[in-house]
PDB file of all heavy atoms in Angstrom:
ATOM      1  N   VAL A   1       0.839  -1.182   0.004  1.00  0.00           N
ATOM      2  CA  VAL A   1      -0.002  -0.010   0.004  1.00  0.00           C
ATOM      3  C   VAL A   1       0.871   1.249   0.016  1.00  0.00           C
ATOM      4  O   VAL A   1       0.530   2.310  -0.594  1.00  0.00           O
ATOM      5  CB  VAL A   1      -0.950  -0.010   1.223  1.00  0.00           C
ATOM      6  CG1 VAL A   1      -1.813   1.242   1.240  1.00  0.00           C
ATOM      7  CG2 VAL A   1      -1.866  -1.239   1.200  1.00  0.00           C
ATOM      8  N   VAL A   2       2.001   1.199   0.688  1.00  0.00           N
ATOM      9  CA  VAL A   2       2.884   2.319   0.698  1.00  0.00           C
ATOM     10  C   VAL A   2       3.309   2.808  -0.658  1.00  0.00           C
ATOM     11  O   VAL A   2       3.213   3.969  -1.048  1.00  0.00           O
ATOM     12  CB  VAL A   2       4.128   2.010   1.591  1.00  0.00           C
ATOM     13  CG1 VAL A   2       5.158   3.142   1.513  1.00  0.00           C
ATOM     14  CG2 VAL A   2       3.769   1.762   3.047  1.00  0.00           C
ATOM     15  N   PHE A   3       3.759   1.830  -1.501  1.00  0.00           N
ATOM     16  CA  PHE A   3       4.207   2.216  -2.832  1.00  0.00           C
ATOM     17  C   PHE A   3       3.027   2.583  -3.722  1.00  0.00           C
ATOM     18  O   PHE A   3       3.091   3.533  -4.492  1.00  0.00           O
ATOM     19  CB  PHE A   3       4.994   1.100  -3.419  1.00  0.00           C
ATOM     20  CG  PHE A   3       5.663   1.431  -4.764  1.00  0.00           C
ATOM     21  CD1 PHE A   3       6.518   2.492  -4.825  1.00  0.00           C
ATOM     22  CD2 PHE A   3       5.461   0.621  -5.855  1.00  0.00           C
ATOM     23  CE1 PHE A   3       7.140   2.799  -6.091  1.00  0.00           C
ATOM     24  CE2 PHE A   3       6.080   0.958  -7.085  1.00  0.00           C
ATOM     25  CZ  PHE A   3       6.915   2.040  -7.186  1.00  0.00           C
ATOM     26  N   GLN A   4       1.912   1.833  -3.598  1.00  0.00           N
ATOM     27  CA  GLN A   4       0.741   2.153  -4.386  1.00  0.00           C
ATOM     28  C   GLN A   4       0.282   3.556  -4.147  1.00  0.00           C
ATOM     29  O   GLN A   4      -0.045   4.313  -5.041  1.00  0.00           O
ATOM     30  CB  GLN A   4      -0.371   1.147  -3.993  1.00  0.00           C
ATOM     31  CG  GLN A   4      -1.667   1.403  -4.823  1.00  0.00           C
ATOM     32  CD  GLN A   4      -2.850   0.630  -4.219  1.00  0.00           C
ATOM     33  OE1 GLN A   4      -2.983   0.570  -3.032  1.00  0.00           O
ATOM     34  NE2 GLN A   4      -3.704   0.051  -5.085  1.00  0.00           N
ATOM     35  N   GLU A   5       0.252   3.988  -2.779  1.00  0.00           N
ATOM     36  CA  GLU A   5      -0.152   5.345  -2.522  1.00  0.00           C
ATOM     37  C   GLU A   5       0.821   6.372  -3.037  1.00  0.00           C
ATOM     38  O   GLU A   5       0.375   7.471  -3.465  1.00  0.00           O
ATOM     39  CB  GLU A   5      -0.282   5.485  -1.025  1.00  0.00           C
ATOM     40  CG  GLU A   5      -1.606   4.858  -0.460  1.00  0.00           C
ATOM     41  CD  GLU A   5      -2.848   5.548  -1.042  1.00  0.00           C
ATOM     42  OE1 GLU A   5      -2.945   6.760  -1.019  1.00  0.00           O
ATOM     43  OE2 GLU A   5      -3.708   4.801  -1.572  1.00  0.00           O
ATOM     44  N   TRP A   6       2.108   6.133  -3.066  1.00  0.00           N
ATOM     45  CA  TRP A   6       3.052   7.005  -3.611  1.00  0.00           C
ATOM     46  C   TRP A   6       2.821   7.221  -5.084  1.00  0.00           C
ATOM     47  O   TRP A   6       2.806   8.399  -5.607  1.00  0.00           O
ATOM     48  CB  TRP A   6       4.497   6.598  -3.348  1.00  0.00           C
ATOM     49  CG  TRP A   6       5.509   7.669  -3.783  1.00  0.00           C
ATOM     50  CD1 TRP A   6       6.010   8.587  -2.991  1.00  0.00           C
ATOM     51  CD2 TRP A   6       5.987   7.917  -5.066  1.00  0.00           C
ATOM     52  NE1 TRP A   6       6.844   9.455  -3.714  1.00  0.00           N
ATOM     53  CE2 TRP A   6       6.823   9.027  -4.990  1.00  0.00           C
ATOM     54  CE3 TRP A   6       5.873   7.260  -6.287  1.00  0.00           C
ATOM     55  CZ2 TRP A   6       7.504   9.504  -6.104  1.00  0.00           C
ATOM     56  CZ3 TRP A   6       6.521   7.741  -7.419  1.00  0.00           C
ATOM     57  CH2 TRP A   6       7.358   8.884  -7.316  1.00  0.00           C
ATOM     58  N   VAL A   7       2.627   6.103  -5.814  1.00  0.00           N
ATOM     59  CA  VAL A   7       2.338   6.162  -7.268  1.00  0.00           C
ATOM     60  C   VAL A   7       1.104   6.956  -7.534  1.00  0.00           C
ATOM     61  O   VAL A   7       1.045   7.798  -8.423  1.00  0.00           O
ATOM     62  CB  VAL A   7       2.268   4.764  -7.897  1.00  0.00           C
ATOM     63  CG1 VAL A   7       1.752   4.860  -9.342  1.00  0.00           C
ATOM     64  CG2 VAL A   7       3.572   4.036  -7.763  1.00  0.00           C
ATOM     65  N   ASN A   8       0.035   6.786  -6.677  1.00  0.00           N
ATOM     66  CA  ASN A   8      -1.215   7.507  -6.877  1.00  0.00           C
ATOM     67  C   ASN A   8      -0.990   9.062  -6.679  1.00  0.00           C
ATOM     68  O   ASN A   8      -1.529   9.853  -7.321  1.00  0.00           O
ATOM     69  CB  ASN A   8      -2.294   7.057  -5.919  1.00  0.00           C
ATOM     70  CG  ASN A   8      -2.848   5.695  -6.361  1.00  0.00           C
ATOM     71  OD1 ASN A   8      -2.697   5.299  -7.482  1.00  0.00           O
ATOM     72  ND2 ASN A   8      -3.434   4.988  -5.392  1.00  0.00           N
ATOM     73  N   GLN A   9      -0.192   9.372  -5.660  1.00  0.00           N
ATOM     74  CA  GLN A   9       0.044  10.758  -5.420  1.00  0.00           C
ATOM     75  C   GLN A   9       0.908  11.375  -6.545  1.00  0.00           C
ATOM     76  O   GLN A   9       0.681  12.554  -6.947  1.00  0.00           O
ATOM     77  CB  GLN A   9       0.802  10.970  -4.075  1.00  0.00           C
ATOM     78  CG  GLN A   9      -0.116  10.698  -2.872  1.00  0.00           C
ATOM     79  CD  GLN A   9      -1.296  11.639  -2.857  1.00  0.00           C
ATOM     80  OE1 GLN A   9      -1.202  12.839  -3.018  1.00  0.00           O
ATOM     81  NE2 GLN A   9      -2.465  11.072  -2.647  1.00  0.00           N
ATOM     82  N   TRP A  10       1.825  10.598  -7.091  1.00  0.00           N
ATOM     83  CA  TRP A  10       2.668  11.096  -8.229  1.00  0.00           C
ATOM     84  C   TRP A  10       1.695  11.373  -9.387  1.00  0.00           C
ATOM     85  O   TRP A  10       1.788  12.431 -10.078  1.00  0.00           O
ATOM     86  CB  TRP A  10       3.639  10.009  -8.579  1.00  0.00           C
ATOM     87  CG  TRP A  10       4.290  10.171  -9.951  1.00  0.00           C
ATOM     88  CD1 TRP A  10       5.270  11.092 -10.271  1.00  0.00           C
ATOM     89  CD2 TRP A  10       4.029   9.415 -11.092  1.00  0.00           C
ATOM     90  NE1 TRP A  10       5.586  10.922 -11.626  1.00  0.00           N
ATOM     91  CE2 TRP A  10       4.823   9.886 -12.117  1.00  0.00           C
ATOM     92  CE3 TRP A  10       3.186   8.314 -11.332  1.00  0.00           C
ATOM     93  CZ2 TRP A  10       4.874   9.307 -13.413  1.00  0.00           C
ATOM     94  CZ3 TRP A  10       3.208   7.763 -12.627  1.00  0.00           C
ATOM     95  CH2 TRP A  10       4.006   8.278 -13.657  1.00  0.00           C
ATOM     96  N   LEU A  11       0.753  10.451  -9.700  1.00  0.00           N
ATOM     97  CA  LEU A  11      -0.209  10.641 -10.729  1.00  0.00           C
ATOM     98  C   LEU A  11      -1.015  11.922 -10.536  1.00  0.00           C
ATOM     99  O   LEU A  11      -1.257  12.683 -11.478  1.00  0.00           O
ATOM    100  CB  LEU A  11      -1.137   9.441 -10.876  1.00  0.00           C
ATOM    101  CG  LEU A  11      -0.705   8.264 -11.791  1.00  0.00           C
ATOM    102  CD1 LEU A  11      -1.692   7.163 -11.618  1.00  0.00           C
ATOM    103  CD2 LEU A  11      -0.705   8.707 -13.229  1.00  0.00           C
ATOM    104  N   HIS A  12      -1.457  12.073  -9.302  1.00  0.00           N
ATOM    105  CA  HIS A  12      -2.311  13.270  -9.015  1.00  0.00           C
ATOM    106  C   HIS A  12      -1.614  14.529  -9.196  1.00  0.00           C
ATOM    107  O   HIS A  12      -2.120  15.511  -9.794  1.00  0.00           O
ATOM    108  CB  HIS A  12      -2.801  13.118  -7.518  1.00  0.00           C
ATOM    109  CG  HIS A  12      -3.493  14.307  -6.994  1.00  0.00           C
ATOM    110  ND1 HIS A  12      -4.793  14.633  -7.402  1.00  0.00           N
ATOM    111  CD2 HIS A  12      -3.205  15.277  -6.134  1.00  0.00           C
ATOM    112  CE1 HIS A  12      -5.217  15.697  -6.815  1.00  0.00           C
ATOM    113  NE2 HIS A  12      -4.179  16.175  -6.028  1.00  0.00           N
ATOM    114  N   LEU A  13      -0.367  14.558  -8.753  1.00  0.00           N
ATOM    115  CA  LEU A  13       0.442  15.873  -8.898  1.00  0.00           C
ATOM    116  C   LEU A  13       0.812  16.118 -10.303  1.00  0.00           C
ATOM    117  O   LEU A  13       0.815  17.261 -10.761  1.00  0.00           O
ATOM    118  CB  LEU A  13       1.660  15.729  -8.007  1.00  0.00           C
ATOM    119  CG  LEU A  13       1.428  15.755  -6.527  1.00  0.00           C
ATOM    120  CD1 LEU A  13       2.727  15.496  -5.743  1.00  0.00           C
ATOM    121  CD2 LEU A  13       0.825  17.087  -6.057  1.00  0.00           C
ATOM    122  N   MET A  14       1.076  15.046 -11.093  1.00  0.00           N
ATOM    123  CA  MET A  14       1.448  15.238 -12.494  1.00  0.00           C
ATOM    124  C   MET A  14       0.245  15.868 -13.253  1.00  0.00           C
ATOM    125  O   MET A  14       0.418  16.644 -14.186  1.00  0.00           O
ATOM    126  CB  MET A  14       1.808  13.928 -13.129  1.00  0.00           C
ATOM    127  CG  MET A  14       3.217  13.510 -13.049  1.00  0.00           C
ATOM    128  SD  MET A  14       3.602  12.398 -14.409  1.00  0.00           S
ATOM    129  CE  MET A  14       2.225  11.291 -14.313  1.00  0.00           C
ATOM    130  N   ARG A  15      -0.941  15.341 -12.963  1.00  0.00           N
ATOM    131  CA  ARG A  15      -2.134  15.924 -13.622  1.00  0.00           C
ATOM    132  C   ARG A  15      -2.368  17.318 -13.219  1.00  0.00           C
ATOM    133  O   ARG A  15      -2.754  18.172 -14.086  1.00  0.00           O
ATOM    134  CB  ARG A  15      -3.368  15.030 -13.243  1.00  0.00           C
ATOM    135  CG  ARG A  15      -3.384  13.687 -13.887  1.00  0.00           C
ATOM    136  CD  ARG A  15      -4.738  12.994 -13.654  1.00  0.00           C
ATOM    137  NE  ARG A  15      -4.799  11.724 -14.308  1.00  0.00           N
ATOM    138  CZ  ARG A  15      -5.045  11.519 -15.569  1.00  0.00           C
ATOM    139  NH1 ARG A  15      -5.254  12.548 -16.363  1.00  0.00           N
ATOM    140  NH2 ARG A  15      -5.138  10.298 -16.092  1.00  0.00           N
ATOM    141  N   GLY A  16      -2.042  17.613 -12.006  1.00  0.00           N
ATOM    142  CA  GLY A  16      -2.198  18.990 -11.533  1.00  0.00           C
ATOM    143  C   GLY A  16      -1.254  19.993 -12.031  1.00  0.00           C
ATOM    144  O   GLY A  16      -1.605  21.162 -12.334  1.00  0.00           O
ATOM    145  N   ASP A  17       0.048  19.592 -12.219  1.00  0.00           N
ATOM    146  CA  ASP A  17       1.027  20.561 -12.633  1.00  0.00           C
ATOM    147  C   ASP A  17       1.238  20.579 -14.201  1.00  0.00           C
ATOM    148  O   ASP A  17       2.111  21.345 -14.593  1.00  0.00           O
ATOM    149  CB  ASP A  17       2.405  20.324 -11.873  1.00  0.00           C
ATOM    150  CG  ASP A  17       3.029  19.019 -12.265  1.00  0.00           C
ATOM    151  OD1 ASP A  17       2.729  18.437 -13.347  1.00  0.00           O
ATOM    152  OD2 ASP A  17       3.886  18.583 -11.535  1.00  0.00           O
ATOM    153  N   GLY A  18       0.439  19.789 -14.919  1.00  0.00           N
ATOM    154  CA  GLY A  18       0.588  19.823 -16.354  1.00  0.00           C
ATOM    155  C   GLY A  18       1.531  18.823 -16.943  1.00  0.00           C
ATOM    156  O   GLY A  18       1.599  18.729 -18.180  1.00  0.00           O
ATOM    157  N   THR A  19       2.289  18.138 -16.125  1.00  0.00           N
ATOM    158  CA  THR A  19       3.263  17.176 -16.681  1.00  0.00           C
ATOM    159  C   THR A  19       2.693  16.066 -17.518  1.00  0.00           C
ATOM    160  O   THR A  19       3.171  15.692 -18.569  1.00  0.00           O
ATOM    161  CB  THR A  19       4.161  16.587 -15.496  1.00  0.00           C
ATOM    162  OG1 THR A  19       4.797  17.634 -14.791  1.00  0.00           O
ATOM    163  CG2 THR A  19       5.157  15.626 -16.048  1.00  0.00           C
ATOM    164  N   PHE A  20       1.575  15.507 -16.926  1.00  0.00           N
ATOM    165  CA  PHE A  20       0.965  14.400 -17.659  1.00  0.00           C
ATOM    166  C   PHE A  20       0.467  14.838 -19.059  1.00  0.00           C
ATOM    167  O   PHE A  20       0.737  14.143 -20.007  1.00  0.00           O
ATOM    168  CB  PHE A  20      -0.291  13.923 -16.837  1.00  0.00           C
ATOM    169  CG  PHE A  20      -0.908  12.682 -17.449  1.00  0.00           C
ATOM    170  CD1 PHE A  20      -0.489  11.404 -17.089  1.00  0.00           C
ATOM    171  CD2 PHE A  20      -2.005  12.787 -18.339  1.00  0.00           C
ATOM    172  CE1 PHE A  20      -1.063  10.286 -17.710  1.00  0.00           C
ATOM    173  CE2 PHE A  20      -2.537  11.720 -18.935  1.00  0.00           C
ATOM    174  CZ  PHE A  20      -2.114  10.421 -18.585  1.00  0.00           C
ATOM    175  N   ASP A  21      -0.216  15.936 -19.166  1.00  0.00           N
ATOM    176  CA  ASP A  21      -0.726  16.401 -20.461  1.00  0.00           C
ATOM    177  C   ASP A  21       0.437  16.726 -21.407  1.00  0.00           C
ATOM    178  O   ASP A  21       0.333  16.449 -22.622  1.00  0.00           O
ATOM    179  CB  ASP A  21      -1.590  17.680 -20.291  1.00  0.00           C
ATOM    180  CG  ASP A  21      -2.932  17.338 -19.611  1.00  0.00           C
ATOM    181  OD1 ASP A  21      -3.323  16.154 -19.641  1.00  0.00           O
ATOM    182  OD2 ASP A  21      -3.627  18.224 -19.114  1.00  0.00           O
ATOM    183  N   ARG A  22       1.502  17.298 -20.901  1.00  0.00           N
ATOM    184  CA  ARG A  22       2.672  17.663 -21.712  1.00  0.00           C
ATOM    185  C   ARG A  22       3.273  16.410 -22.329  1.00  0.00           C
ATOM    186  O   ARG A  22       3.625  16.389 -23.522  1.00  0.00           O
ATOM    187  CB  ARG A  22       3.665  18.413 -20.935  1.00  0.00           C
ATOM    188  CG  ARG A  22       4.947  18.687 -21.653  1.00  0.00           C
ATOM    189  CD  ARG A  22       5.962  19.510 -20.820  1.00  0.00           C
ATOM    190  NE  ARG A  22       6.277  18.818 -19.582  1.00  0.00           N
ATOM    191  CZ  ARG A  22       7.130  17.807 -19.485  1.00  0.00           C
ATOM    192  NH1 ARG A  22       7.725  17.270 -20.558  1.00  0.00           N
ATOM    193  NH2 ARG A  22       7.441  17.303 -18.272  1.00  0.00           N
ATOM    194  N   ILE A  23       3.387  15.322 -21.495  1.00  0.00           N
ATOM    195  CA  ILE A  23       3.999  14.073 -22.026  1.00  0.00           C
ATOM    196  C   ILE A  23       3.020  13.386 -22.933  1.00  0.00           C
ATOM    197  O   ILE A  23       3.360  12.742 -23.987  1.00  0.00           O
ATOM    198  CB  ILE A  23       4.472  13.266 -20.829  1.00  0.00           C
ATOM    199  CG1 ILE A  23       5.660  13.897 -20.121  1.00  0.00           C
ATOM    200  CG2 ILE A  23       4.811  11.813 -21.298  1.00  0.00           C
ATOM    201  CD1 ILE A  23       6.129  13.147 -18.900  1.00  0.00           C
ATOM    202  N   ALA A  24       1.737  13.320 -22.526  1.00  0.00           N
ATOM    203  CA  ALA A  24       0.782  12.499 -23.240  1.00  0.00           C
ATOM    204  C   ALA A  24       0.325  13.048 -24.593  1.00  0.00           C
ATOM    205  O   ALA A  24       0.049  12.306 -25.498  1.00  0.00           O
ATOM    206  CB  ALA A  24      -0.507  12.297 -22.337  1.00  0.00           C
ATOM    207  N   LYS A  25       0.283  14.342 -24.731  1.00  0.00           N
ATOM    208  CA  LYS A  25      -0.244  15.013 -25.895  1.00  0.00           C
ATOM    209  C   LYS A  25       0.341  14.525 -27.235  1.00  0.00           C
ATOM    210  O   LYS A  25      -0.350  14.223 -28.202  1.00  0.00           O
ATOM    211  CB  LYS A  25      -0.251  16.480 -25.805  1.00  0.00           C
ATOM    212  CG  LYS A  25      -1.017  17.198 -26.982  1.00  0.00           C
ATOM    213  CD  LYS A  25      -1.118  18.690 -26.718  1.00  0.00           C
ATOM    214  CE  LYS A  25      -1.959  19.329 -27.831  1.00  0.00           C
ATOM    215  NZ  LYS A  25      -2.083  20.811 -27.606  1.00  0.00           N
ATOM    216  N   PRO A  26       1.678  14.495 -27.308  1.00  0.00           N
ATOM    217  CA  PRO A  26       2.268  13.989 -28.563  1.00  0.00           C
ATOM    218  C   PRO A  26       1.958  12.548 -28.980  1.00  0.00           C
ATOM    219  O   PRO A  26       2.018  12.154 -30.123  1.00  0.00           O
ATOM    220  CB  PRO A  26       3.794  14.152 -28.362  1.00  0.00           C
ATOM    221  CG  PRO A  26       3.924  15.121 -27.240  1.00  0.00           C
ATOM    222  CD  PRO A  26       2.748  14.851 -26.370  1.00  0.00           C
TER     223      PRO A  26
END
């Protein structure tokens, strides 16, 4: 659960700061 929660928080922050969209768009 410790690692799963870290990955989830990473996903959440990436979506919030625009990193996910920047990488995914191309």
